[in-house]
Structure formats: structure tokens, C-alpha cells
Amino acid sequence: MDIKQACDSLRASENREVAALVVQDKALQRVLAVWPMVRREELPQAVTGDMSFADLWGAVRFDEREAVDLTGLPSGVGIAALRRAKGLQLIYPDGSVHRLASAVLKKAINDMLSGGKPK
């Protein structure tokens, strides 16, 4: 099993309500927007389907500073938002994003592009 399959297994039990936090939190929105572009390295260890979310994070390495730099947020705010996104399971170690949170972000973008005001 690879890390993507393990993350897909966890994604099946996503907490839908946590996506509501993304609606008004601009820092979280920025983290979600850049997360798929952050370089990650999968460490050479066996990934199994029964690994916890925390264990899966231990199977990858990435540079927090690089991730925060991509968001354009001040360092402290960006690191806090990144760690919140991890803790709330809004981002996954394989580079994917919580499905409903991603939909919230896409809707905000569509609203802005169609002349609506972001909420």
C-alpha cells in the first residue's frame, strides 16, 4: 500500500463539518490552495491501511517554511494555519485536500470570478 491509498482510506471517514471553518478563515484557505504544490518526500517505510493520521504524517517529509512562503502569509500566522490544517485533517500527507473543504474553496473562487463578494 502506498501513501495515497492510505490517505484515500482515511478520506472515507472525513469530518464534513470541519470544512465550515474554511469559509471565513483566509489563512486556512491559503494553506489549502497551495498544499498540492508543496514538495513532499515519502520516506522509505512501510505504509499500511491501519496507520493513524499522525503515523501517515510521519511517513512524509516537507519543509514547513516552503509551504508557508507559498501562502504569502506572515511566518507565525502561516505556520499556525498549516498546523491547524494538519490537525483538523484538512490536508493529507499525499498532497491532497479535504474534499468538502476543497469544494468550499472552489465556490469562493467562483463567487469572486462571477462578481460576487467573498464571504
Protein backbone atom coordinates (compact mmCIF):
# COMPACT_ATOMS: atom_id res chain seq x y z
CA MET A 1 0.00 0.00 0.00
CA ASP A 2 1.30 3.46 -0.81
CA ILE A 3 0.63 6.73 0.99
CA LYS A 4 -2.07 7.82 -1.47
CA GLN A 5 -4.05 4.63 -0.90
CA ALA A 6 -3.69 5.01 2.88
CA CYS A 7 -4.91 8.63 2.65
CA ASP A 8 -7.83 7.55 0.46
CA SER A 9 -8.77 5.07 3.17
CA LEU A 10 -8.81 7.85 5.80
CA ARG A 11 -10.66 10.20 3.47
CA ALA A 12 -13.63 7.83 3.54
CA SER A 13 -14.33 8.98 7.10
CA GLU A 14 -13.75 12.73 6.67
CA ASN A 15 -15.46 15.02 9.15
CA ARG A 16 -17.69 17.12 6.90
CA GLU A 17 -18.41 19.81 9.48
CA VAL A 18 -14.76 20.82 9.86
CA ALA A 19 -14.91 22.22 6.31
CA ALA A 20 -17.12 25.02 7.66
CA LEU A 21 -14.03 26.52 9.31
CA VAL A 22 -12.60 27.22 5.85
CA VAL A 23 -15.48 29.53 4.88
CA GLN A 24 -14.22 32.51 6.89
CA ASP A 25 -10.61 31.60 7.65
CA LYS A 26 -8.45 33.21 4.94
CA ALA A 27 -5.24 31.72 6.33
CA LEU A 28 -6.66 28.19 6.10
CA GLN A 29 -7.89 28.96 2.58
CA ARG A 30 -4.36 29.91 1.54
CA VAL A 31 -2.89 26.75 3.04
CA LEU A 32 -5.44 24.58 1.22
CA ALA A 33 -4.80 26.42 -2.03
CA VAL A 34 -1.04 25.82 -2.01
CA TRP A 35 -0.86 22.42 -0.31
CA PRO A 36 -0.95 20.34 -3.52
CA MET A 37 2.09 22.30 -4.79
CA VAL A 38 4.27 21.79 -1.72
CA ARG A 39 7.12 19.38 -2.36
CA ARG A 40 6.88 16.27 -0.24
CA GLU A 41 9.18 13.31 0.12
CA GLU A 42 7.75 9.94 1.03
CA LEU A 43 10.11 8.27 3.48
CA PRO A 44 11.14 4.68 2.87
CA GLN A 45 8.95 2.90 5.35
CA ALA A 46 6.05 0.54 5.02
CA VAL A 47 2.68 2.27 4.80
CA THR A 48 -0.26 0.18 5.91
CA GLY A 49 -4.00 0.69 5.75
CA ASP A 50 -4.33 0.70 9.51
CA MET A 51 -1.94 3.60 10.12
CA SER A 52 -3.28 6.58 12.04
CA PHE A 53 -3.36 10.04 10.51
CA ALA A 54 -0.37 11.04 12.68
CA ASP A 55 1.57 7.95 11.59
CA LEU A 56 0.97 8.83 7.93
CA TRP A 57 2.37 12.31 8.53
CA GLY A 58 5.45 10.59 9.92
CA ALA A 59 5.86 8.83 6.57
CA VAL A 60 6.47 12.07 4.66
CA ARG A 61 8.84 14.98 4.93
CA PHE A 62 8.22 18.52 3.75
CA ASP A 63 9.53 21.97 4.52
CA GLU A 64 7.04 23.98 6.61
CA ARG A 65 8.81 27.19 5.69
CA GLU A 66 8.42 26.50 1.97
CA ALA A 67 4.73 25.76 2.46
CA VAL A 68 4.22 28.98 4.42
CA ASP A 69 6.22 31.01 1.90
CA LEU A 70 3.89 29.82 -0.86
CA THR A 71 0.87 31.09 1.07
CA GLY A 72 2.25 34.63 1.29
CA LEU A 73 1.26 34.76 4.96
CA PRO A 74 3.48 36.11 7.73
CA SER A 75 5.53 33.25 9.17
CA GLY A 76 3.75 32.85 12.52
CA VAL A 77 0.27 33.07 11.00
CA GLY A 78 1.20 30.68 8.20
CA ILE A 79 2.73 28.05 10.46
CA ALA A 80 -0.27 28.20 12.78
CA ALA A 81 -2.67 27.82 9.82
CA LEU A 82 -0.63 24.95 8.37
CA ARG A 83 -0.60 23.12 11.68
CA ARG A 84 -4.33 23.74 12.13
CA ALA A 85 -4.98 22.35 8.64
CA LYS A 86 -2.99 19.22 9.55
CA GLY A 87 -4.64 18.83 12.96
CA LEU A 88 -8.13 19.32 11.54
CA GLN A 89 -7.34 16.83 8.77
CA LEU A 90 -7.98 19.41 6.06
CA ILE A 91 -4.75 18.45 4.29
CA TYR A 92 -3.33 14.99 3.74
CA PRO A 93 0.28 13.79 3.62
CA ASP A 94 -0.09 12.74 -0.03
CA GLY A 95 -0.72 16.36 -1.09
CA SER A 96 -4.48 16.14 -1.30
CA VAL A 97 -7.06 18.32 0.43
CA HIS A 98 -10.26 17.50 2.36
CA ARG A 99 -12.94 17.07 -0.32
CA LEU A 100 -15.60 19.36 1.12
CA ALA A 101 -13.06 22.00 2.17
CA SER A 102 -11.77 21.98 -1.41
CA ALA A 103 -15.33 22.47 -2.67
CA VAL A 104 -15.77 25.42 -0.27
CA LEU A 105 -12.59 26.99 -1.65
CA LYS A 106 -13.68 26.43 -5.27
CA LYS A 107 -17.07 28.01 -4.57
CA ALA A 108 -15.39 31.08 -3.06
CA ILE A 109 -13.26 31.40 -6.19
CA ASN A 110 -16.28 31.00 -8.48
CA ASP A 111 -18.19 33.61 -6.49
CA MET A 112 -15.32 36.09 -6.81
CA LEU A 113 -14.96 35.45 -10.54
CA SER A 114 -18.68 35.92 -11.14
CA GLY A 115 -18.66 39.32 -9.44
CA GLY A 116 -19.90 38.18 -6.05
CA LYS A 117 -18.22 39.33 -2.89
CA PRO A 118 -16.17 36.79 -0.96
CA LYS A 119 -17.66 35.91 2.38
